[in-house]
Amino acid sequence: LRRTNTPIGRDGKLAKPRQLHNTHWGLVCPAETPEGQACGLVKNLSLMCSISVGTSTDPIVDYMITRNMEVLEEYEPMRYPNATKIFLNGSWIGVHQDPKSLVRDVQQLRRANQIPSEVSLVRDIRDREFKIFSDAGRVMRPLFVVQQEDDPDTGVQKGHLALTKTQIAKLEASIDVDVDAPGYYGWQGLVNDGVIEYLDAEEEETAMICMTPEDLETYRMTKAGVDLPQDNGDEINKRLKTKVNPTTHMYTHCEIHPSMLLGICASIIP
């Protein structure tokens, strides 16, 4: 069920379709592929990846119209030449004057589980476009959300993971509870609380993702002006950390675990 097949003749001499593309990171396993003729054409999904099943977009359109979106029929290009175009599943539906607040509001709706978590929101600042995808067949992967501003409700500060100790306690309490029981929290609880977000390849282009929560902590300390030692000291076998990039503006997401970029077979090899 987690195997993808590229519909190209197996005897082709082209190498490009068999190679990994940069956007496959975290979505397709880089190691798990058969040898021989099908090498690279038959791929396997990474752990925790899922395929979108498609959802209705009418509620999103209605919401955006209430948030001052101009429908395409009423749009006058001469009046607002710099308005941001809004696309829904590839078709241009309208324009908006203040895309920053609109994107933030729709994102909050998705994190509050008002619109489905598999809807993808892509804001292209350079081209002045805001693209929304809710169609079926997109490969998505879950990531931890990093707060972009202080949240007074949960007490999570800017630049920290949206995951709190309260949610971890709920998860631990749900270990022995049956999945169908009323008090069960589990994975869906995290998604509903906006702690975990599903991103597809297109939305990942606009996200800044760090590998581990420790890297996020290092980044925060560096931003605060704390000088951190770069070497591993006594532990010579420890993974060398990449130097903090001083031009990084802000992380938006964090990987759940680095091993999630591998598929099932590759990740059980010790």
C-alpha atoms as a PDB file:
ATOM      1  CA  LEU A   1       0.000   0.000   0.000  1.00  0.00           C
ATOM      2  CA  ARG A   2       2.945   2.367   0.519  1.00  0.00           C
ATOM      3  CA  ARG A   3       4.580   1.665  -2.846  1.00  0.00           C
ATOM      4  CA  THR A   4       4.533   4.124  -5.749  1.00  0.00           C
ATOM      5  CA  ASN A   5       5.057   3.152  -9.363  1.00  0.00           C
ATOM      6  CA  THR A   6       6.274   5.536 -12.088  1.00  0.00           C
ATOM      7  CA  PRO A   7       4.504   4.701 -15.375  1.00  0.00           C
ATOM      8  CA  ILE A   8       7.634   4.674 -17.563  1.00  0.00           C
ATOM      9  CA  GLY A   9       8.950   1.765 -19.629  1.00  0.00           C
ATOM     10  CA  ARG A  10      11.399  -0.318 -17.590  1.00  0.00           C
ATOM     11  CA  ASP A  11      13.898  -0.566 -20.463  1.00  0.00           C
ATOM     12  CA  GLY A  12      14.411   3.212 -20.786  1.00  0.00           C
ATOM     13  CA  LYS A  13      17.982   4.508 -20.707  1.00  0.00           C
ATOM     14  CA  LEU A  14      17.061   7.822 -19.036  1.00  0.00           C
ATOM     15  CA  ALA A  15      18.596   8.238 -15.587  1.00  0.00           C
ATOM     16  CA  LYS A  16      16.618  11.304 -14.455  1.00  0.00           C
ATOM     17  CA  PRO A  17      13.276   9.581 -13.642  1.00  0.00           C
ATOM     18  CA  ARG A  18      15.169   7.069 -11.487  1.00  0.00           C
ATOM     19  CA  GLN A  19      16.969   9.666  -9.383  1.00  0.00           C
ATOM     20  CA  LEU A  20      15.716  11.312  -6.208  1.00  0.00           C
ATOM     21  CA  HIS A  21      14.437  14.858  -6.512  1.00  0.00           C
ATOM     22  CA  ASN A  22      15.061  17.451  -3.782  1.00  0.00           C
ATOM     23  CA  THR A  23      11.324  17.764  -3.082  1.00  0.00           C
ATOM     24  CA  HIS A  24      11.184  14.031  -2.239  1.00  0.00           C
ATOM     25  CA  TRP A  25      12.927  14.767   1.072  1.00  0.00           C
ATOM     26  CA  GLY A  26      10.883  13.226   3.873  1.00  0.00           C
ATOM     27  CA  LEU A  27       8.179  11.981   1.499  1.00  0.00           C
ATOM     28  CA  VAL A  28       9.904   9.143  -0.397  1.00  0.00           C
ATOM     29  CA  CYS A  29      12.432   6.742   1.134  1.00  0.00           C
ATOM     30  CA  PRO A  30      15.891   7.339  -0.412  1.00  0.00           C
ATOM     31  CA  ALA A  31      17.030   3.738   0.162  1.00  0.00           C
ATOM     32  CA  GLU A  32      14.062   1.426  -0.347  1.00  0.00           C
ATOM     33  CA  THR A  33      13.838   0.641  -4.061  1.00  0.00           C
ATOM     34  CA  PRO A  34      14.278  -2.667  -5.928  1.00  0.00           C
ATOM     35  CA  GLU A  35      17.436  -3.566  -7.827  1.00  0.00           C
ATOM     36  CA  GLY A  36      17.504  -4.175 -11.559  1.00  0.00           C
ATOM     37  CA  GLN A  37      15.201  -2.674 -14.168  1.00  0.00           C
ATOM     38  CA  ALA A  38      12.691  -1.162 -11.744  1.00  0.00           C
ATOM     39  CA  CYS A  39      15.416   0.635  -9.736  1.00  0.00           C
ATOM     40  CA  GLY A  40      14.272   4.160  -8.887  1.00  0.00           C
ATOM     41  CA  LEU A  41      10.969   3.798 -10.749  1.00  0.00           C
ATOM     42  CA  VAL A  42       9.324   1.842  -7.939  1.00  0.00           C
ATOM     43  CA  LYS A  43       9.544   3.960  -4.779  1.00  0.00           C
ATOM     44  CA  ASN A  44       8.222   3.615  -1.234  1.00  0.00           C
ATOM     45  CA  LEU A  45       6.687   6.261   0.994  1.00  0.00           C
ATOM     46  CA  SER A  46       8.566   7.336   4.108  1.00  0.00           C
ATOM     47  CA  LEU A  47       7.297   6.632   7.616  1.00  0.00           C
ATOM     48  CA  MET A  48       4.354   8.789   8.745  1.00  0.00           C
ATOM     49  CA  CYS A  49       3.639  10.001   5.200  1.00  0.00           C
ATOM     50  CA  SER A  50       0.049  10.009   4.082  1.00  0.00           C
ATOM     51  CA  ILE A  51      -1.828  10.748   0.873  1.00  0.00           C
ATOM     52  CA  SER A  52      -4.562  13.399   0.878  1.00  0.00           C
ATOM     53  CA  VAL A  53      -8.063  12.122   0.103  1.00  0.00           C
ATOM     54  CA  GLY A  54      -9.581  15.442  -1.001  1.00  0.00           C
ATOM     55  CA  THR A  55     -12.030  17.684   0.860  1.00  0.00           C
ATOM     56  CA  SER A  56     -14.698  20.259   0.016  1.00  0.00           C
ATOM     57  CA  THR A  57     -13.466  23.831  -0.416  1.00  0.00           C
ATOM     58  CA  ASP A  58     -16.755  25.743  -0.175  1.00  0.00           C
ATOM     59  CA  PRO A  59     -16.379  26.654   3.546  1.00  0.00           C
ATOM     60  CA  ILE A  60     -12.895  28.120   2.895  1.00  0.00           C
ATOM     61  CA  VAL A  61     -14.183  30.267   0.005  1.00  0.00           C
ATOM     62  CA  ASP A  62     -17.127  31.511   2.099  1.00  0.00           C
ATOM     63  CA  TYR A  63     -14.783  32.346   4.966  1.00  0.00           C
ATOM     64  CA  MET A  64     -12.370  34.278   2.727  1.00  0.00           C
ATOM     65  CA  ILE A  65     -15.235  36.278   1.201  1.00  0.00           C
ATOM     66  CA  THR A  66     -16.207  37.354   4.743  1.00  0.00           C
ATOM     67  CA  ARG A  67     -12.537  38.365   5.258  1.00  0.00           C
ATOM     68  CA  ASN A  68     -12.720  40.948   2.414  1.00  0.00           C
ATOM     69  CA  MET A  69     -11.664  38.746  -0.477  1.00  0.00           C
ATOM     70  CA  GLU A  70     -12.781  40.277  -3.780  1.00  0.00           C
ATOM     71  CA  VAL A  71     -14.313  37.654  -6.058  1.00  0.00           C
ATOM     72  CA  LEU A  72     -12.759  37.555  -9.524  1.00  0.00           C
ATOM     73  CA  GLU A  73     -15.977  38.769 -11.196  1.00  0.00           C
ATOM     74  CA  GLU A  74     -15.888  42.021  -9.179  1.00  0.00           C
ATOM     75  CA  TYR A  75     -12.131  42.637  -9.409  1.00  0.00           C
ATOM     76  CA  GLU A  76     -10.853  45.787 -11.155  1.00  0.00           C
ATOM     77  CA  PRO A  77      -7.120  45.459 -11.930  1.00  0.00           C
ATOM     78  CA  MET A  78      -6.689  49.216 -12.410  1.00  0.00           C
ATOM     79  CA  ARG A  79      -7.877  49.954  -8.876  1.00  0.00           C
ATOM     80  CA  TYR A  80      -5.701  47.384  -7.054  1.00  0.00           C
ATOM     81  CA  PRO A  81      -2.728  46.553  -9.293  1.00  0.00           C
ATOM     82  CA  ASN A  82      -0.723  45.044  -6.397  1.00  0.00           C
ATOM     83  CA  ALA A  83      -3.421  42.827  -4.909  1.00  0.00           C
ATOM     84  CA  THR A  84      -2.480  39.230  -4.082  1.00  0.00           C
ATOM     85  CA  LYS A  85      -4.151  36.620  -6.283  1.00  0.00           C
ATOM     86  CA  ILE A  86      -5.862  33.716  -4.510  1.00  0.00           C
ATOM     87  CA  PHE A  87      -5.881  30.313  -6.206  1.00  0.00           C
ATOM     88  CA  LEU A  88      -7.962  27.333  -5.145  1.00  0.00           C
ATOM     89  CA  ASN A  89      -6.801  23.988  -6.562  1.00  0.00           C
ATOM     90  CA  GLY A  90      -5.187  25.837  -9.467  1.00  0.00           C
ATOM     91  CA  SER A  91      -8.112  28.072 -10.445  1.00  0.00           C
ATOM     92  CA  TRP A  92      -7.998  31.820  -9.740  1.00  0.00           C
ATOM     93  CA  ILE A  93     -10.963  32.685  -7.512  1.00  0.00           C
ATOM     94  CA  GLY A  94     -10.234  36.206  -6.260  1.00  0.00           C
ATOM     95  CA  VAL A  95      -7.824  38.803  -4.867  1.00  0.00           C
ATOM     96  CA  HIS A  96      -7.040  40.225  -1.431  1.00  0.00           C
ATOM     97  CA  GLN A  97      -5.468  43.469  -0.195  1.00  0.00           C
ATOM     98  CA  ASP A  98      -3.923  42.177   3.041  1.00  0.00           C
ATOM     99  CA  PRO A  99      -2.605  38.668   2.340  1.00  0.00           C
ATOM    100  CA  LYS A 100      -0.511  38.476   5.517  1.00  0.00           C
ATOM    101  CA  SER A 101      -3.518  38.608   7.847  1.00  0.00           C
ATOM    102  CA  LEU A 102      -5.602  36.368   5.554  1.00  0.00           C
ATOM    103  CA  VAL A 103      -2.928  33.632   5.483  1.00  0.00           C
ATOM    104  CA  ARG A 104      -2.522  33.890   9.254  1.00  0.00           C
ATOM    105  CA  ASP A 105      -6.285  33.614   9.822  1.00  0.00           C
ATOM    106  CA  VAL A 106      -6.726  30.607   7.508  1.00  0.00           C
ATOM    107  CA  GLN A 107      -3.696  28.946   9.127  1.00  0.00           C
ATOM    108  CA  GLN A 108      -5.248  29.485  12.577  1.00  0.00           C
ATOM    109  CA  LEU A 109      -8.471  27.877  11.284  1.00  0.00           C
ATOM    110  CA  ARG A 110      -6.514  24.831  10.145  1.00  0.00           C
ATOM    111  CA  ARG A 111      -4.670  24.562  13.462  1.00  0.00           C
ATOM    112  CA  ALA A 112      -7.955  24.926  15.351  1.00  0.00           C
ATOM    113  CA  ASN A 113      -9.396  22.058  13.249  1.00  0.00           C
ATOM    114  CA  GLN A 114     -12.086  24.298  11.712  1.00  0.00           C
ATOM    115  CA  ILE A 115     -10.913  23.311   8.220  1.00  0.00           C
ATOM    116  CA  PRO A 116      -9.363  19.892   7.442  1.00  0.00           C
ATOM    117  CA  SER A 117      -5.703  19.396   8.375  1.00  0.00           C
ATOM    118  CA  GLU A 118      -4.892  18.114   4.883  1.00  0.00           C
ATOM    119  CA  VAL A 119      -5.637  21.478   3.228  1.00  0.00           C
ATOM    120  CA  SER A 120      -2.388  23.004   2.005  1.00  0.00           C
ATOM    121  CA  LEU A 121      -1.782  26.774   2.235  1.00  0.00           C
ATOM    122  CA  VAL A 122       1.063  28.210   0.145  1.00  0.00           C
ATOM    123  CA  ARG A 123       1.859  31.922   0.136  1.00  0.00           C
ATOM    124  CA  ASP A 124       4.246  32.984  -2.620  1.00  0.00           C
ATOM    125  CA  ILE A 125       5.344  36.475  -1.558  1.00  0.00           C
ATOM    126  CA  ARG A 126       7.456  37.197  -4.650  1.00  0.00           C
ATOM    127  CA  ASP A 127       4.719  36.392  -7.175  1.00  0.00           C
ATOM    128  CA  ARG A 128       2.003  37.838  -4.906  1.00  0.00           C
ATOM    129  CA  GLU A 129      -0.004  34.606  -4.862  1.00  0.00           C
ATOM    130  CA  PHE A 130      -1.802  32.628  -2.169  1.00  0.00           C
ATOM    131  CA  LYS A 131      -2.468  29.045  -3.273  1.00  0.00           C
ATOM    132  CA  ILE A 132      -4.827  26.687  -1.471  1.00  0.00           C
ATOM    133  CA  PHE A 133      -4.890  22.989  -2.335  1.00  0.00           C
ATOM    134  CA  SER A 134      -7.462  20.518  -1.065  1.00  0.00           C
ATOM    135  CA  ASP A 135      -7.422  17.967  -3.887  1.00  0.00           C
ATOM    136  CA  ALA A 136      -6.669  14.253  -3.558  1.00  0.00           C
ATOM    137  CA  GLY A 137      -3.359  12.552  -4.248  1.00  0.00           C
ATOM    138  CA  ARG A 138      -0.882  14.927  -2.576  1.00  0.00           C
ATOM    139  CA  VAL A 139       1.810  13.302  -0.425  1.00  0.00           C
ATOM    140  CA  MET A 140       1.897  14.947   3.007  1.00  0.00           C
ATOM    141  CA  ARG A 141       4.048  14.521   6.092  1.00  0.00           C
ATOM    142  CA  PRO A 142       3.502  15.630   9.701  1.00  0.00           C
ATOM    143  CA  LEU A 143       5.757  18.161  11.471  1.00  0.00           C
ATOM    144  CA  PHE A 144       5.775  19.855  14.872  1.00  0.00           C
ATOM    145  CA  VAL A 145       4.613  23.474  14.758  1.00  0.00           C
ATOM    146  CA  VAL A 146       6.939  26.200  16.075  1.00  0.00           C
ATOM    147  CA  GLN A 147       5.104  29.224  17.506  1.00  0.00           C
ATOM    148  CA  GLN A 148       5.605  32.382  15.441  1.00  0.00           C
ATOM    149  CA  GLU A 149       4.428  34.723  18.205  1.00  0.00           C
ATOM    150  CA  ASP A 150       3.721  34.464  21.932  1.00  0.00           C
ATOM    151  CA  ASP A 151       0.513  32.570  22.694  1.00  0.00           C
ATOM    152  CA  PRO A 152      -1.197  33.952  25.836  1.00  0.00           C
ATOM    153  CA  ASP A 153      -3.692  31.041  25.983  1.00  0.00           C
ATOM    154  CA  THR A 154      -1.146  28.206  26.240  1.00  0.00           C
ATOM    155  CA  GLY A 155       1.763  30.285  27.563  1.00  0.00           C
ATOM    156  CA  VAL A 156       4.035  29.089  24.742  1.00  0.00           C
ATOM    157  CA  GLN A 157       6.637  31.696  23.839  1.00  0.00           C
ATOM    158  CA  LYS A 158       7.694  32.703  20.332  1.00  0.00           C
ATOM    159  CA  GLY A 159      10.227  30.307  18.812  1.00  0.00           C
ATOM    160  CA  HIS A 160       9.242  27.350  21.040  1.00  0.00           C
ATOM    161  CA  LEU A 161       7.423  24.169  19.992  1.00  0.00           C
ATOM    162  CA  ALA A 162       3.638  24.412  20.253  1.00  0.00           C
ATOM    163  CA  LEU A 163       3.760  21.067  22.110  1.00  0.00           C
ATOM    164  CA  THR A 164       3.321  21.595  25.867  1.00  0.00           C
ATOM    165  CA  LYS A 165       3.678  19.388  28.949  1.00  0.00           C
ATOM    166  CA  THR A 166      -0.118  19.361  29.301  1.00  0.00           C
ATOM    167  CA  GLN A 167      -0.465  17.594  25.950  1.00  0.00           C
ATOM    168  CA  ILE A 168       2.308  15.117  26.788  1.00  0.00           C
ATOM    169  CA  ALA A 169       0.493  14.315  30.055  1.00  0.00           C
ATOM    170  CA  LYS A 170      -2.731  13.739  28.074  1.00  0.00           C
ATOM    171  CA  LEU A 171      -0.843  11.400  25.721  1.00  0.00           C
ATOM    172  CA  GLU A 172       0.611   9.418  28.634  1.00  0.00           C
ATOM    173  CA  ALA A 173      -2.835   9.153  30.207  1.00  0.00           C
ATOM    174  CA  SER A 174      -4.225   7.765  26.918  1.00  0.00           C
ATOM    175  CA  ILE A 175      -1.678   4.925  26.628  1.00  0.00           C
ATOM    176  CA  ASP A 176      -3.934   2.341  28.299  1.00  0.00           C
ATOM    177  CA  VAL A 177      -7.220   3.845  27.074  1.00  0.00           C
ATOM    178  CA  ASP A 178      -9.097   2.217  24.201  1.00  0.00           C
ATOM    179  CA  VAL A 179      -8.950   4.150  20.906  1.00  0.00           C
ATOM    180  CA  ASP A 180     -12.749   4.463  20.727  1.00  0.00           C
ATOM    181  CA  ALA A 181     -13.092   5.582  24.360  1.00  0.00           C
ATOM    182  CA  PRO A 182     -14.450   9.134  24.876  1.00  0.00           C
ATOM    183  CA  GLY A 183     -11.395  10.475  26.751  1.00  0.00           C
ATOM    184  CA  TYR A 184      -8.823   9.168  24.262  1.00  0.00           C
ATOM    185  CA  TYR A 185      -6.347  11.869  23.138  1.00  0.00           C
ATOM    186  CA  GLY A 186      -3.766  10.208  20.877  1.00  0.00           C
ATOM    187  CA  TRP A 187      -2.343  11.383  17.556  1.00  0.00           C
ATOM    188  CA  GLN A 188      -5.570  12.973  16.333  1.00  0.00           C
ATOM    189  CA  GLY A 189      -5.718  15.005  19.534  1.00  0.00           C
ATOM    190  CA  LEU A 190      -2.324  16.524  18.724  1.00  0.00           C
ATOM    191  CA  VAL A 191      -3.447  17.354  15.174  1.00  0.00           C
ATOM    192  CA  ASN A 192      -6.711  18.888  16.456  1.00  0.00           C
ATOM    193  CA  ASP A 193      -4.785  21.034  18.953  1.00  0.00           C
ATOM    194  CA  GLY A 194      -2.599  22.434  16.170  1.00  0.00           C
ATOM    195  CA  VAL A 195       0.591  20.932  17.636  1.00  0.00           C
ATOM    196  CA  ILE A 196       1.219  18.855  14.514  1.00  0.00           C
ATOM    197  CA  GLU A 197       0.652  20.087  10.983  1.00  0.00           C
ATOM    198  CA  TYR A 198       0.597  18.144   7.708  1.00  0.00           C
ATOM    199  CA  LEU A 199       2.689  19.738   4.959  1.00  0.00           C
ATOM    200  CA  ASP A 200       2.903  18.732   1.311  1.00  0.00           C
ATOM    201  CA  ALA A 201       5.895  19.323  -0.981  1.00  0.00           C
ATOM    202  CA  GLU A 202       4.529  22.654  -2.185  1.00  0.00           C
ATOM    203  CA  GLU A 203       3.917  24.100   1.276  1.00  0.00           C
ATOM    204  CA  GLU A 204       7.276  22.771   2.486  1.00  0.00           C
ATOM    205  CA  GLU A 205       8.921  25.214   0.053  1.00  0.00           C
ATOM    206  CA  THR A 206       7.615  28.089   2.186  1.00  0.00           C
ATOM    207  CA  ALA A 207       8.480  26.507   5.565  1.00  0.00           C
ATOM    208  CA  MET A 208      11.722  26.639   7.548  1.00  0.00           C
ATOM    209  CA  ILE A 209      12.249  23.253   9.209  1.00  0.00           C
ATOM    210  CA  CYS A 210      14.834  22.326  11.847  1.00  0.00           C
ATOM    211  CA  MET A 211      15.922  18.728  12.407  1.00  0.00           C
ATOM    212  CA  THR A 212      15.540  18.324  16.196  1.00  0.00           C
ATOM    213  CA  PRO A 213      14.142  20.332  19.132  1.00  0.00           C
ATOM    214  CA  GLU A 214      17.766  20.595  20.379  1.00  0.00           C
ATOM    215  CA  ASP A 215      18.695  22.442  17.170  1.00  0.00           C
ATOM    216  CA  LEU A 216      15.786  24.804  17.824  1.00  0.00           C
ATOM    217  CA  GLU A 217      17.122  25.446  21.339  1.00  0.00           C
ATOM    218  CA  THR A 218      20.639  26.079  19.952  1.00  0.00           C
ATOM    219  CA  TYR A 219      19.194  28.518  17.420  1.00  0.00           C
ATOM    220  CA  ARG A 220      17.282  30.401  20.138  1.00  0.00           C
ATOM    221  CA  MET A 221      20.377  30.625  22.365  1.00  0.00           C
ATOM    222  CA  THR A 222      22.481  31.919  19.456  1.00  0.00           C
ATOM    223  CA  LYS A 223      19.816  34.508  18.613  1.00  0.00           C
ATOM    224  CA  ALA A 224      19.850  35.617  22.265  1.00  0.00           C
ATOM    225  CA  GLY A 225      23.601  36.198  21.980  1.00  0.00           C
ATOM    226  CA  VAL A 226      24.805  33.203  24.045  1.00  0.00           C
ATOM    227  CA  ASP A 227      28.119  31.833  22.733  1.00  0.00           C
ATOM    228  CA  LEU A 228      27.830  28.029  22.472  1.00  0.00           C
ATOM    229  CA  PRO A 229      30.809  25.628  22.165  1.00  0.00           C
ATOM    230  CA  GLN A 230      30.834  23.939  18.739  1.00  0.00           C
ATOM    231  CA  ASP A 231      32.939  20.831  19.471  1.00  0.00           C
ATOM    232  CA  ASN A 232      31.698  17.522  20.879  1.00  0.00           C
ATOM    233  CA  GLY A 233      34.183  17.424  23.757  1.00  0.00           C
ATOM    234  CA  ASP A 234      34.522  13.925  25.220  1.00  0.00           C
ATOM    235  CA  GLU A 235      31.906  12.197  23.051  1.00  0.00           C
ATOM    236  CA  ILE A 236      33.860  11.706  19.834  1.00  0.00           C
ATOM    237  CA  ASN A 237      31.199   9.439  18.278  1.00  0.00           C
ATOM    238  CA  LYS A 238      28.457  12.034  18.646  1.00  0.00           C
ATOM    239  CA  ARG A 239      26.893  13.507  15.498  1.00  0.00           C
ATOM    240  CA  LEU A 240      28.575  16.733  14.409  1.00  0.00           C
ATOM    241  CA  LYS A 241      26.043  19.541  14.519  1.00  0.00           C
ATOM    242  CA  THR A 242      25.871  21.951  11.621  1.00  0.00           C
ATOM    243  CA  LYS A 243      26.835  25.526  12.436  1.00  0.00           C
ATOM    244  CA  VAL A 244      23.928  27.873  13.086  1.00  0.00           C
ATOM    245  CA  ASN A 245      23.189  29.925   9.995  1.00  0.00           C
ATOM    246  CA  PRO A 246      23.188  33.597  11.103  1.00  0.00           C
ATOM    247  CA  THR A 247      20.869  34.569   8.221  1.00  0.00           C
ATOM    248  CA  THR A 248      18.074  32.220   9.370  1.00  0.00           C
ATOM    249  CA  HIS A 249      15.166  34.481  10.209  1.00  0.00           C
ATOM    250  CA  MET A 250      12.835  32.104  12.028  1.00  0.00           C
ATOM    251  CA  TYR A 251      11.970  28.405  12.120  1.00  0.00           C
ATOM    252  CA  THR A 252       8.332  27.582  11.399  1.00  0.00           C
ATOM    253  CA  HIS A 253       8.375  23.790  11.922  1.00  0.00           C
ATOM    254  CA  CYS A 254      10.466  21.042  13.500  1.00  0.00           C
ATOM    255  CA  GLU A 255      10.950  17.420  12.395  1.00  0.00           C
ATOM    256  CA  ILE A 256       9.230  14.830  14.607  1.00  0.00           C
ATOM    257  CA  HIS A 257      12.334  12.627  14.320  1.00  0.00           C
ATOM    258  CA  PRO A 258      15.149  12.585  11.729  1.00  0.00           C
ATOM    259  CA  SER A 259      14.549   8.868  11.034  1.00  0.00           C
ATOM    260  CA  MET A 260      11.099   9.700   9.597  1.00  0.00           C
ATOM    261  CA  LEU A 261      12.682  10.437   6.220  1.00  0.00           C
ATOM    262  CA  LEU A 262      13.333   6.690   5.751  1.00  0.00           C
ATOM    263  CA  GLY A 263      10.802   4.062   4.710  1.00  0.00           C
ATOM    264  CA  ILE A 264       9.718   0.974   6.633  1.00  0.00           C
ATOM    265  CA  CYS A 265      12.459  -1.423   5.494  1.00  0.00           C
ATOM    266  CA  ALA A 266      15.310   1.076   5.716  1.00  0.00           C
ATOM    267  CA  SER A 267      14.397   2.166   9.240  1.00  0.00           C
ATOM    268  CA  ILE A 268      14.400  -1.339  10.762  1.00  0.00           C
ATOM    269  CA  ILE A 269      18.046  -1.871   9.781  1.00  0.00           C
ATOM    270  CA  PRO A 270      20.014  -1.206  12.992  1.00  0.00           C
END
